[in-house]
Each structure stands twice: as C-alpha cells, then as structure tokens.
Amino acid sequence: MTLDLTALADEHMAAARTAPHGRSAHLVLHDGVLRQTVIALTSGTSLDEHNAPPAASLQVLRGRVDLTAAGWTEALSAGTLRMIPKERHGLTALEDSVVLLTAVND
C-alpha cells in the first residue's frame, strides 16, 4: 500500500476547517498491532489529555503543535519526529497543523 501523505494532509486539513470541533482524523494504516493515523487540527484546537499506547511516535507534517504531559510542554514544528511519552499527554495546535501518529497497541 502506498499513501500520498501530502494529499491526506490536504484532505484532512480541509475537513478540520469545516468540522465543529476543528479536527479530522483518519486511520490510514492498520497492520496487526501497528496503526498510523493522520490527524489535522485547526489553530487552537486540542486533543485532551489521554493515555499513551505501549509505543508511539508523532511526526509533524505541517504547522506547529504543543505536546503536553504532567508538568511539561514541548513545541514541535513541521518535520519533527518525537516519541510519545509513556504518561498521559495531550496535543494542541499552535497553528493549523497535521500530524502522523504511529502507535503500537497490544
């Protein structure tokens, strides 16, 4: 399977801009325990704090986001790849942004 991440980012950013909560997400790859999801967030939109999967990474395709966890915040910009912390965490778009979440669930 080959995916065009640029086209997916365009599609989901357009959907996020018209969505009532300012976000759009789509599971683009699912193979056993591996999942990859494109998530588009309009500026100021957040994903509330949630539990972390056993292993995950976040790649910022467009924009800038804040990754937050207990007592800390890290700003990530387009082109950045970061492991997701093992603790509860959240995500806030500092500008219109699209990320690729890769997670391994047991």
PDB file of N, CA and C in Angstrom:
ATOM      1  N   MET A   1       0.841  -1.185   0.000  1.00  0.00           N
ATOM      2  CA  MET A   1       0.000   0.000   0.000  1.00  0.00           C
ATOM      3  C   MET A   1       0.879   1.239   0.000  1.00  0.00           C
ATOM      4  N   THR A   2       0.597   2.152  -0.889  1.00  0.00           N
ATOM      5  CA  THR A   2       1.311   3.423  -0.967  1.00  0.00           C
ATOM      6  C   THR A   2       0.324   4.544  -0.678  1.00  0.00           C
ATOM      7  N   LEU A   3       0.738   5.452   0.190  1.00  0.00           N
ATOM      8  CA  LEU A   3      -0.122   6.576   0.570  1.00  0.00           C
ATOM      9  C   LEU A   3       0.544   7.893   0.194  1.00  0.00           C
ATOM     10  N   ASP A   4      -0.245   8.849  -0.228  1.00  0.00           N
ATOM     11  CA  ASP A   4       0.234  10.197  -0.512  1.00  0.00           C
ATOM     12  C   ASP A   4      -0.062  11.056   0.709  1.00  0.00           C
ATOM     13  N   LEU A   5       0.941  11.245   1.566  1.00  0.00           N
ATOM     14  CA  LEU A   5       0.728  11.998   2.810  1.00  0.00           C
ATOM     15  C   LEU A   5       0.367  13.450   2.552  1.00  0.00           C
ATOM     16  N   THR A   6       0.880  14.024   1.480  1.00  0.00           N
ATOM     17  CA  THR A   6       0.535  15.410   1.150  1.00  0.00           C
ATOM     18  C   THR A   6      -0.950  15.526   0.836  1.00  0.00           C
ATOM     19  N   ALA A   7      -1.469  14.606   0.026  1.00  0.00           N
ATOM     20  CA  ALA A   7      -2.898  14.620  -0.315  1.00  0.00           C
ATOM     21  C   ALA A   7      -3.750  14.352   0.919  1.00  0.00           C
ATOM     22  N   LEU A   8      -3.324  13.410   1.770  1.00  0.00           N
ATOM     23  CA  LEU A   8      -4.075  13.131   3.001  1.00  0.00           C
ATOM     24  C   LEU A   8      -4.079  14.346   3.927  1.00  0.00           C
ATOM     25  N   ALA A   9      -2.946  15.027   4.027  1.00  0.00           N
ATOM     26  CA  ALA A   9      -2.865  16.232   4.862  1.00  0.00           C
ATOM     27  C   ALA A   9      -3.803  17.307   4.324  1.00  0.00           C
ATOM     28  N   ASP A  10      -3.813  17.510   3.012  1.00  0.00           N
ATOM     29  CA  ASP A  10      -4.713  18.487   2.394  1.00  0.00           C
ATOM     30  C   ASP A  10      -6.173  18.140   2.693  1.00  0.00           C
ATOM     31  N   GLU A  11      -6.525  16.884   2.459  1.00  0.00           N
ATOM     32  CA  GLU A  11      -7.909  16.425   2.649  1.00  0.00           C
ATOM     33  C   GLU A  11      -8.382  16.608   4.086  1.00  0.00           C
ATOM     34  N   HIS A  12      -7.548  16.219   5.032  1.00  0.00           N
ATOM     35  CA  HIS A  12      -7.992  16.284   6.429  1.00  0.00           C
ATOM     36  C   HIS A  12      -7.895  17.689   7.019  1.00  0.00           C
ATOM     37  N   MET A  13      -7.004  18.517   6.494  1.00  0.00           N
ATOM     38  CA  MET A  13      -6.993  19.911   6.943  1.00  0.00           C
ATOM     39  C   MET A  13      -8.258  20.606   6.462  1.00  0.00           C
ATOM     40  N   ALA A  14      -8.666  20.342   5.231  1.00  0.00           N
ATOM     41  CA  ALA A  14      -9.917  20.919   4.709  1.00  0.00           C
ATOM     42  C   ALA A  14     -11.105  20.448   5.540  1.00  0.00           C
ATOM     43  N   ALA A  15     -11.117  19.175   5.899  1.00  0.00           N
ATOM     44  CA  ALA A  15     -12.215  18.640   6.727  1.00  0.00           C
ATOM     45  C   ALA A  15     -12.197  19.244   8.124  1.00  0.00           C
ATOM     46  N   ALA A  16     -11.012  19.429   8.705  1.00  0.00           N
ATOM     47  CA  ALA A  16     -10.907  20.013  10.044  1.00  0.00           C
ATOM     48  C   ALA A  16     -11.429  21.444  10.058  1.00  0.00           C
ATOM     49  N   ARG A  17     -11.179  22.178   8.993  1.00  0.00           N
ATOM     50  CA  ARG A  17     -11.617  23.584   8.931  1.00  0.00           C
ATOM     51  C   ARG A  17     -13.132  23.723   8.911  1.00  0.00           C
ATOM     52  N   THR A  18     -13.834  22.697   8.477  1.00  0.00           N
ATOM     53  CA  THR A  18     -15.305  22.756   8.456  1.00  0.00           C
ATOM     54  C   THR A  18     -15.939  21.935   9.578  1.00  0.00           C
ATOM     55  N   ALA A  19     -15.131  21.204  10.336  1.00  0.00           N
ATOM     56  CA  ALA A  19     -15.654  20.361  11.425  1.00  0.00           C
ATOM     57  C   ALA A  19     -15.974  21.213  12.645  1.00  0.00           C
ATOM     58  N   PRO A  20     -17.044  20.881  13.357  1.00  0.00           N
ATOM     59  CA  PRO A  20     -17.444  21.667  14.533  1.00  0.00           C
ATOM     60  C   PRO A  20     -16.359  21.752  15.612  1.00  0.00           C
ATOM     61  N   HIS A  21     -15.533  20.718  15.751  1.00  0.00           N
ATOM     62  CA  HIS A  21     -14.501  20.718  16.796  1.00  0.00           C
ATOM     63  C   HIS A  21     -13.116  21.041  16.256  1.00  0.00           C
ATOM     64  N   GLY A  22     -13.029  21.385  14.960  1.00  0.00           N
ATOM     65  CA  GLY A  22     -11.766  21.828  14.382  1.00  0.00           C
ATOM     66  C   GLY A  22     -10.733  20.740  14.192  1.00  0.00           C
ATOM     67  N   ARG A  23     -11.181  19.510  14.012  1.00  0.00           N
ATOM     68  CA  ARG A  23     -10.218  18.433  13.801  1.00  0.00           C
ATOM     69  C   ARG A  23     -10.785  17.361  12.880  1.00  0.00           C
ATOM     70  N   SER A  24      -9.865  16.618  12.271  1.00  0.00           N
ATOM     71  CA  SER A  24     -10.227  15.498  11.415  1.00  0.00           C
ATOM     72  C   SER A  24      -9.134  14.450  11.559  1.00  0.00           C
ATOM     73  N   ALA A  25      -9.533  13.200  11.701  1.00  0.00           N
ATOM     74  CA  ALA A  25      -8.562  12.114  11.850  1.00  0.00           C
ATOM     75  C   ALA A  25      -8.997  10.928  11.021  1.00  0.00           C
ATOM     76  N   HIS A  26      -7.988  10.188  10.543  1.00  0.00           N
ATOM     77  CA  HIS A  26      -8.287   9.009   9.734  1.00  0.00           C
ATOM     78  C   HIS A  26      -7.186   7.974   9.923  1.00  0.00           C
ATOM     79  N   LEU A  27      -7.592   6.758  10.273  1.00  0.00           N
ATOM     80  CA  LEU A  27      -6.660   5.643  10.380  1.00  0.00           C
ATOM     81  C   LEU A  27      -6.253   5.251   8.968  1.00  0.00           C
ATOM     82  N   VAL A  28      -4.989   5.462   8.630  1.00  0.00           N
ATOM     83  CA  VAL A  28      -4.548   5.235   7.255  1.00  0.00           C
ATOM     84  C   VAL A  28      -3.840   3.904   7.070  1.00  0.00           C
ATOM     85  N   LEU A  29      -3.309   3.350   8.136  1.00  0.00           N
ATOM     86  CA  LEU A  29      -2.607   2.085   8.043  1.00  0.00           C
ATOM     87  C   LEU A  29      -2.864   1.275   9.305  1.00  0.00           C
ATOM     88  N   HIS A  30      -3.290   0.042   9.132  1.00  0.00           N
ATOM     89  CA  HIS A  30      -3.547  -0.830  10.275  1.00  0.00           C
ATOM     90  C   HIS A  30      -3.047  -2.215   9.913  1.00  0.00           C
ATOM     91  N   ASP A  31      -2.022  -2.668  10.624  1.00  0.00           N
ATOM     92  CA  ASP A  31      -1.437  -3.978  10.367  1.00  0.00           C
ATOM     93  C   ASP A  31      -1.136  -4.627  11.710  1.00  0.00           C
ATOM     94  N   GLY A  32      -2.009  -5.506  12.154  1.00  0.00           N
ATOM     95  CA  GLY A  32      -1.825  -6.132  13.468  1.00  0.00           C
ATOM     96  C   GLY A  32      -1.838  -5.086  14.563  1.00  0.00           C
ATOM     97  N   VAL A  33      -0.745  -4.983  15.287  1.00  0.00           N
ATOM     98  CA  VAL A  33      -0.672  -4.036  16.403  1.00  0.00           C
ATOM     99  C   VAL A  33      -0.236  -2.630  15.977  1.00  0.00           C
ATOM    100  N   LEU A  34       0.172  -2.491  14.710  1.00  0.00           N
ATOM    101  CA  LEU A  34       0.642  -1.195  14.196  1.00  0.00           C
ATOM    102  C   LEU A  34      -0.512  -0.390  13.623  1.00  0.00           C
ATOM    103  N   ARG A  35      -0.590   0.874  14.032  1.00  0.00           N
ATOM    104  CA  ARG A  35      -1.601   1.790  13.496  1.00  0.00           C
ATOM    105  C   ARG A  35      -0.955   3.130  13.209  1.00  0.00           C
ATOM    106  N   GLN A  36      -1.326   3.703  12.053  1.00  0.00           N
ATOM    107  CA  GLN A  36      -0.887   5.053  11.724  1.00  0.00           C
ATOM    108  C   GLN A  36      -2.116   5.881  11.389  1.00  0.00           C
ATOM    109  N   THR A  37      -2.184   7.050  11.989  1.00  0.00           N
ATOM    110  CA  THR A  37      -3.340   7.919  11.856  1.00  0.00           C
ATOM    111  C   THR A  37      -2.895   9.321  11.484  1.00  0.00           C
ATOM    112  N   VAL A  38      -3.541   9.884  10.465  1.00  0.00           N
ATOM    113  CA  VAL A  38      -3.339  11.291  10.123  1.00  0.00           C
ATOM    114  C   VAL A  38      -4.356  12.089  10.937  1.00  0.00           C
ATOM    115  N   ILE A  39      -3.878  13.123  11.622  1.00  0.00           N
ATOM    116  CA  ILE A  39      -4.741  13.972  12.448  1.00  0.00           C
ATOM    117  C   ILE A  39      -4.497  15.421  12.042  1.00  0.00           C
ATOM    118  N   ALA A  40      -5.560  16.103  11.655  1.00  0.00           N
ATOM    119  CA  ALA A  40      -5.484  17.527  11.321  1.00  0.00           C
ATOM    120  C   ALA A  40      -6.200  18.317  12.410  1.00  0.00           C
ATOM    121  N   LEU A  41      -5.573  19.397  12.855  1.00  0.00           N
ATOM    122  CA  LEU A  41      -6.124  20.256  13.907  1.00  0.00           C
ATOM    123  C   LEU A  41      -6.025  21.710  13.462  1.00  0.00           C
ATOM    124  N   THR A  42      -7.114  22.444  13.593  1.00  0.00           N
ATOM    125  CA  THR A  42      -7.049  23.874  13.307  1.00  0.00           C
ATOM    126  C   THR A  42      -6.394  24.587  14.483  1.00  0.00           C
ATOM    127  N   SER A  43      -5.878  25.770  14.236  1.00  0.00           N
ATOM    128  CA  SER A  43      -5.184  26.553  15.255  1.00  0.00           C
ATOM    129  C   SER A  43      -6.020  26.673  16.527  1.00  0.00           C
ATOM    130  N   GLY A  44      -5.403  26.353  17.661  1.00  0.00           N
ATOM    131  CA  GLY A  44      -6.078  26.449  18.950  1.00  0.00           C
ATOM    132  C   GLY A  44      -6.839  25.195  19.360  1.00  0.00           C
ATOM    133  N   THR A  45      -6.986  24.254  18.449  1.00  0.00           N
ATOM    134  CA  THR A  45      -7.694  23.013  18.758  1.00  0.00           C
ATOM    135  C   THR A  45      -6.788  22.073  19.551  1.00  0.00           C
ATOM    136  N   SER A  46      -7.380  21.350  20.509  1.00  0.00           N
ATOM    137  CA  SER A  46      -6.607  20.430  21.343  1.00  0.00           C
ATOM    138  C   SER A  46      -7.187  19.036  21.324  1.00  0.00           C
ATOM    139  N   LEU A  47      -6.316  18.087  21.532  1.00  0.00           N
ATOM    140  CA  LEU A  47      -6.725  16.732  21.885  1.00  0.00           C
ATOM    141  C   LEU A  47      -6.479  16.649  23.386  1.00  0.00           C
ATOM    142  N   ASP A  48      -7.540  16.481  24.148  1.00  0.00           N
ATOM    143  CA  ASP A  48      -7.411  16.456  25.598  1.00  0.00           C
ATOM    144  C   ASP A  48      -6.459  15.350  26.043  1.00  0.00           C
ATOM    145  N   GLU A  49      -5.974  15.501  27.247  1.00  0.00           N
ATOM    146  CA  GLU A  49      -5.059  14.520  27.816  1.00  0.00           C
ATOM    147  C   GLU A  49      -5.664  13.124  27.734  1.00  0.00           C
ATOM    148  N   HIS A  50      -4.846  12.175  27.315  1.00  0.00           N
ATOM    149  CA  HIS A  50      -5.300  10.792  27.154  1.00  0.00           C
ATOM    150  C   HIS A  50      -4.139   9.840  27.453  1.00  0.00           C
ATOM    151  N   ASN A  51      -4.456   8.559  27.672  1.00  0.00           N
ATOM    152  CA  ASN A  51      -3.440   7.561  27.978  1.00  0.00           C
ATOM    153  C   ASN A  51      -2.595   7.258  26.753  1.00  0.00           C
ATOM    154  N   ALA A  52      -1.356   6.908  26.998  1.00  0.00           N
ATOM    155  CA  ALA A  52      -0.430   6.583  25.920  1.00  0.00           C
ATOM    156  C   ALA A  52      -0.516   5.096  25.576  1.00  0.00           C
ATOM    157  N   PRO A  53      -0.360   4.762  24.293  1.00  0.00           N
ATOM    158  CA  PRO A  53      -0.247   3.342  23.928  1.00  0.00           C
ATOM    159  C   PRO A  53       1.111   2.816  24.387  1.00  0.00           C
ATOM    160  N   PRO A  54       1.348   1.525  24.295  1.00  0.00           N
ATOM    161  CA  PRO A  54       2.640   0.976  24.733  1.00  0.00           C
ATOM    162  C   PRO A  54       3.841   1.599  24.021  1.00  0.00           C
ATOM    163  N   ALA A  55       3.696   1.935  22.734  1.00  0.00           N
ATOM    164  CA  ALA A  55       4.769   2.599  21.993  1.00  0.00           C
ATOM    165  C   ALA A  55       4.132   3.473  20.923  1.00  0.00           C
ATOM    166  N   ALA A  56       4.666   4.692  20.765  1.00  0.00           N
ATOM    167  CA  ALA A  56       4.096   5.597  19.758  1.00  0.00           C
ATOM    168  C   ALA A  56       5.073   6.706  19.423  1.00  0.00           C
ATOM    169  N   SER A  57       4.879   7.258  18.214  1.00  0.00           N
ATOM    170  CA  SER A  57       5.647   8.436  17.805  1.00  0.00           C
ATOM    171  C   SER A  57       4.697   9.412  17.119  1.00  0.00           C
ATOM    172  N   LEU A  58       5.112  10.658  17.099  1.00  0.00           N
ATOM    173  CA  LEU A  58       4.333  11.718  16.470  1.00  0.00           C
ATOM    174  C   LEU A  58       5.248  12.441  15.492  1.00  0.00           C
ATOM    175  N   GLN A  59       4.825  12.525  14.229  1.00  0.00           N
ATOM    176  CA  GLN A  59       5.561  13.269  13.220  1.00  0.00           C
ATOM    177  C   GLN A  59       4.704  14.443  12.790  1.00  0.00           C
ATOM    178  N   VAL A  60       5.244  15.639  12.887  1.00  0.00           N
ATOM    179  CA  VAL A  60       4.512  16.833  12.480  1.00  0.00           C
ATOM    180  C   VAL A  60       4.739  17.026  10.987  1.00  0.00           C
ATOM    181  N   LEU A  61       3.659  16.896  10.215  1.00  0.00           N
ATOM    182  CA  LEU A  61       3.734  17.056   8.766  1.00  0.00           C
ATOM    183  C   LEU A  61       3.619  18.513   8.357  1.00  0.00           C
ATOM    184  N   ARG A  62       2.778  19.261   9.072  1.00  0.00           N
ATOM    185  CA  ARG A  62       2.540  20.688   8.805  1.00  0.00           C
ATOM    186  C   ARG A  62       2.274  21.406  10.113  1.00  0.00           C
ATOM    187  N   GLY A  63       2.657  22.662  10.165  1.00  0.00           N
ATOM    188  CA  GLY A  63       2.287  23.502  11.298  1.00  0.00           C
ATOM    189  C   GLY A  63       3.189  23.338  12.506  1.00  0.00           C
ATOM    190  N   ARG A  64       2.621  23.731  13.663  1.00  0.00           N
ATOM    191  CA  ARG A  64       3.315  23.656  14.957  1.00  0.00           C
ATOM    192  C   ARG A  64       2.309  23.204  16.005  1.00  0.00           C
ATOM    193  N   VAL A  65       2.745  22.323  16.893  1.00  0.00           N
ATOM    194  CA  VAL A  65       1.892  21.811  17.954  1.00  0.00           C
ATOM    195  C   VAL A  65       2.652  21.823  19.273  1.00  0.00           C
ATOM    196  N   ASP A  66       1.904  21.846  20.365  1.00  0.00           N
ATOM    197  CA  ASP A  66       2.468  21.637  21.697  1.00  0.00           C
ATOM    198  C   ASP A  66       2.075  20.246  22.154  1.00  0.00           C
ATOM    199  N   LEU A  67       3.065  19.431  22.502  1.00  0.00           N
ATOM    200  CA  LEU A  67       2.836  18.137  23.127  1.00  0.00           C
ATOM    201  C   LEU A  67       2.976  18.365  24.620  1.00  0.00           C
ATOM    202  N   THR A  68       1.961  17.994  25.391  1.00  0.00           N
ATOM    203  CA  THR A  68       1.966  18.267  26.823  1.00  0.00           C
ATOM    204  C   THR A  68       1.795  16.970  27.617  1.00  0.00           C
ATOM    205  N   ALA A  69       2.416  16.948  28.771  1.00  0.00           N
ATOM    206  CA  ALA A  69       2.259  15.855  29.726  1.00  0.00           C
ATOM    207  C   ALA A  69       2.415  16.479  31.107  1.00  0.00           C
ATOM    208  N   ALA A  70       2.297  15.678  32.136  1.00  0.00           N
ATOM    209  CA  ALA A  70       2.317  16.168  33.513  1.00  0.00           C
ATOM    210  C   ALA A  70       3.487  17.126  33.762  1.00  0.00           C
ATOM    211  N   GLY A  71       3.171  18.414  33.817  1.00  0.00           N
ATOM    212  CA  GLY A  71       4.165  19.405  34.197  1.00  0.00           C
ATOM    213  C   GLY A  71       5.114  19.882  33.103  1.00  0.00           C
ATOM    214  N   TRP A  72       4.932  19.477  31.865  1.00  0.00           N
ATOM    215  CA  TRP A  72       5.828  19.965  30.815  1.00  0.00           C
ATOM    216  C   TRP A  72       5.104  20.115  29.490  1.00  0.00           C
ATOM    217  N   THR A  73       5.685  20.956  28.645  1.00  0.00           N
ATOM    218  CA  THR A  73       5.182  21.200  27.289  1.00  0.00           C
ATOM    219  C   THR A  73       6.374  21.257  26.355  1.00  0.00           C
ATOM    220  N   GLU A  74       6.216  20.646  25.191  1.00  0.00           N
ATOM    221  CA  GLU A  74       7.275  20.709  24.181  1.00  0.00           C
ATOM    222  C   GLU A  74       6.652  21.138  22.859  1.00  0.00           C
ATOM    223  N   ALA A  75       7.184  22.214  22.285  1.00  0.00           N
ATOM    224  CA  ALA A  75       6.718  22.691  20.984  1.00  0.00           C
ATOM    225  C   ALA A  75       7.399  21.880  19.891  1.00  0.00           C
ATOM    226  N   LEU A  76       6.605  21.423  18.927  1.00  0.00           N
ATOM    227  CA  LEU A  76       7.111  20.640  17.806  1.00  0.00           C
ATOM    228  C   LEU A  76       6.668  21.315  16.517  1.00  0.00           C
ATOM    229  N   SER A  77       7.566  21.413  15.547  1.00  0.00           N
ATOM    230  CA  SER A  77       7.216  22.056  14.278  1.00  0.00           C
ATOM    231  C   SER A  77       7.343  21.059  13.129  1.00  0.00           C
ATOM    232  N   ALA A  78       6.868  21.477  11.961  1.00  0.00           N
ATOM    233  CA  ALA A  78       6.867  20.620  10.775  1.00  0.00           C
ATOM    234  C   ALA A  78       8.248  20.001  10.568  1.00  0.00           C
ATOM    235  N   GLY A  79       8.250  18.707  10.286  1.00  0.00           N
ATOM    236  CA  GLY A  79       9.486  17.980  10.077  1.00  0.00           C
ATOM    237  C   GLY A  79      10.004  17.273  11.314  1.00  0.00           C
ATOM    238  N   THR A  80       9.391  17.550  12.468  1.00  0.00           N
ATOM    239  CA  THR A  80       9.832  16.960  13.729  1.00  0.00           C
ATOM    240  C   THR A  80       9.204  15.585  13.935  1.00  0.00           C
ATOM    241  N   LEU A  81      10.004  14.659  14.426  1.00  0.00           N
ATOM    242  CA  LEU A  81       9.542  13.325  14.819  1.00  0.00           C
ATOM    243  C   LEU A  81       9.926  13.123  16.268  1.00  0.00           C
ATOM    244  N   ARG A  82       8.952  12.725  17.102  1.00  0.00           N
ATOM    245  CA  ARG A  82       9.214  12.560  18.524  1.00  0.00           C
ATOM    246  C   ARG A  82       8.479  11.347  19.063  1.00  0.00           C
ATOM    247  N   MET A  83       9.134  10.634  19.969  1.00  0.00           N
ATOM    248  CA  MET A  83       8.443   9.558  20.669  1.00  0.00           C
ATOM    249  C   MET A  83       7.390  10.174  21.579  1.00  0.00           C
ATOM    250  N   ILE A  84       6.265   9.497  21.708  1.00  0.00           N
ATOM    251  CA  ILE A  84       5.201   9.937  22.616  1.00  0.00           C
ATOM    252  C   ILE A  84       5.582   9.484  24.025  1.00  0.00           C
ATOM    253  N   PRO A  85       5.412  10.339  25.017  1.00  0.00           N
ATOM    254  CA  PRO A  85       5.750   9.932  26.385  1.00  0.00           C
ATOM    255  C   PRO A  85       4.825   8.808  26.862  1.00  0.00           C
ATOM    256  N   LYS A  86       5.314   8.028  27.799  1.00  0.00           N
ATOM    257  CA  LYS A  86       4.544   6.884  28.318  1.00  0.00           C
ATOM    258  C   LYS A  86       3.394   7.327  29.232  1.00  0.00           C
ATOM    259  N   GLU A  87       3.440   8.555  29.721  1.00  0.00           N
ATOM    260  CA  GLU A  87       2.378   9.034  30.615  1.00  0.00           C
ATOM    261  C   GLU A  87       1.248   9.693  29.821  1.00  0.00           C
ATOM    262  N   ARG A  88       0.189  10.033  30.526  1.00  0.00           N
ATOM    263  CA  ARG A  88      -0.930  10.737  29.887  1.00  0.00           C
ATOM    264  C   ARG A  88      -0.393  12.008  29.237  1.00  0.00           C
ATOM    265  N   HIS A  89      -0.968  12.351  28.092  1.00  0.00           N
ATOM    266  CA  HIS A  89      -0.460  13.501  27.342  1.00  0.00           C
ATOM    267  C   HIS A  89      -1.585  14.094  26.504  1.00  0.00           C
ATOM    268  N   GLY A  90      -1.341  15.290  26.004  1.00  0.00           N
ATOM    269  CA  GLY A  90      -2.301  15.980  25.146  1.00  0.00           C
ATOM    270  C   GLY A  90      -1.570  16.671  24.016  1.00  0.00           C
ATOM    271  N   LEU A  91      -2.335  17.237  23.086  1.00  0.00           N
ATOM    272  CA  LEU A  91      -1.757  17.895  21.921  1.00  0.00           C
ATOM    273  C   LEU A  91      -2.588  19.126  21.599  1.00  0.00           C
ATOM    274  N   THR A  92      -1.938  20.254  21.368  1.00  0.00           N
ATOM    275  CA  THR A  92      -2.617  21.494  20.999  1.00  0.00           C
ATOM    276  C   THR A  92      -1.961  22.078  19.755  1.00  0.00           C
ATOM    277  N   ALA A  93      -2.774  22.452  18.787  1.00  0.00           N
ATOM    278  CA  ALA A  93      -2.264  23.072  17.565  1.00  0.00           C
ATOM    279  C   ALA A  93      -2.015  24.556  17.816  1.00  0.00           C
ATOM    280  N   LEU A  94      -0.796  24.997  17.574  1.00  0.00           N
ATOM    281  CA  LEU A  94      -0.444  26.409  17.712  1.00  0.00           C
ATOM    282  C   LEU A  94      -0.798  27.178  16.445  1.00  0.00           C
ATOM    283  N   GLU A  95      -0.949  26.439  15.357  1.00  0.00           N
ATOM    284  CA  GLU A  95      -1.431  26.956  14.073  1.00  0.00           C
ATOM    285  C   GLU A  95      -2.060  25.754  13.376  1.00  0.00           C
ATOM    286  N   ASP A  96      -2.731  25.967  12.252  1.00  0.00           N
ATOM    287  CA  ASP A  96      -3.294  24.827  11.535  1.00  0.00           C
ATOM    288  C   ASP A  96      -2.191  23.788  11.331  1.00  0.00           C
ATOM    289  N   SER A  97      -2.448  22.548  11.746  1.00  0.00           N
ATOM    290  CA  SER A  97      -1.400  21.534  11.772  1.00  0.00           C
ATOM    291  C   SER A  97      -1.927  20.176  11.373  1.00  0.00           C
ATOM    292  N   VAL A  98      -1.024  19.354  10.829  1.00  0.00           N
ATOM    293  CA  VAL A  98      -1.337  17.962  10.507  1.00  0.00           C
ATOM    294  C   VAL A  98      -0.189  17.118  11.053  1.00  0.00           C
ATOM    295  N   VAL A  99      -0.554  16.044  11.753  1.00  0.00           N
ATOM    296  CA  VAL A  99       0.449  15.142  12.322  1.00  0.00           C
ATOM    297  C   VAL A  99       0.156  13.715  11.878  1.00  0.00           C
ATOM    298  N   LEU A 100       1.195  12.896  11.940  1.00  0.00           N
ATOM    299  CA  LEU A 100       1.062  11.459  11.696  1.00  0.00           C
ATOM    300  C   LEU A 100       1.395  10.760  12.992  1.00  0.00           C
ATOM    301  N   LEU A 101       0.412  10.101  13.571  1.00  0.00           N
ATOM    302  CA  LEU A 101       0.589   9.338  14.807  1.00  0.00           C
ATOM    303  C   LEU A 101       0.830   7.882  14.426  1.00  0.00           C
ATOM    304  N   THR A 102       1.936   7.342  14.894  1.00  0.00           N
ATOM    305  CA  THR A 102       2.229   5.919  14.715  1.00  0.00           C
ATOM    306  C   THR A 102       2.180   5.283  16.099  1.00  0.00           C
ATOM    307  N   ALA A 103       1.340   4.257  16.244  1.00  0.00           N
ATOM    308  CA  ALA A 103       1.175   3.622  17.550  1.00  0.00           C
ATOM    309  C   ALA A 103       1.213   2.103  17.415  1.00  0.00           C
ATOM    310  N   VAL A 104       1.764   1.486  18.438  1.00  0.00           N
ATOM    311  CA  VAL A 104       1.746   0.030  18.561  1.00  0.00           C
ATOM    312  C   VAL A 104       0.913  -0.282  19.782  1.00  0.00           C
ATOM    313  N   ASN A 105      -0.174  -0.990  19.573  1.00  0.00           N
ATOM    314  CA  ASN A 105      -1.062  -1.364  20.671  1.00  0.00           C
ATOM    315  C   ASN A 105      -0.977  -2.871  20.882  1.00  0.00           C
ATOM    316  N   ASP A 106      -1.073  -3.265  22.159  1.00  0.00           N
ATOM    317  CA  ASP A 106      -1.042  -4.722  22.383  1.00  0.00           C
ATOM    318  C   ASP A 106      -2.415  -5.302  22.439  1.00  0.00           C
TER     319      ASP A 106
END
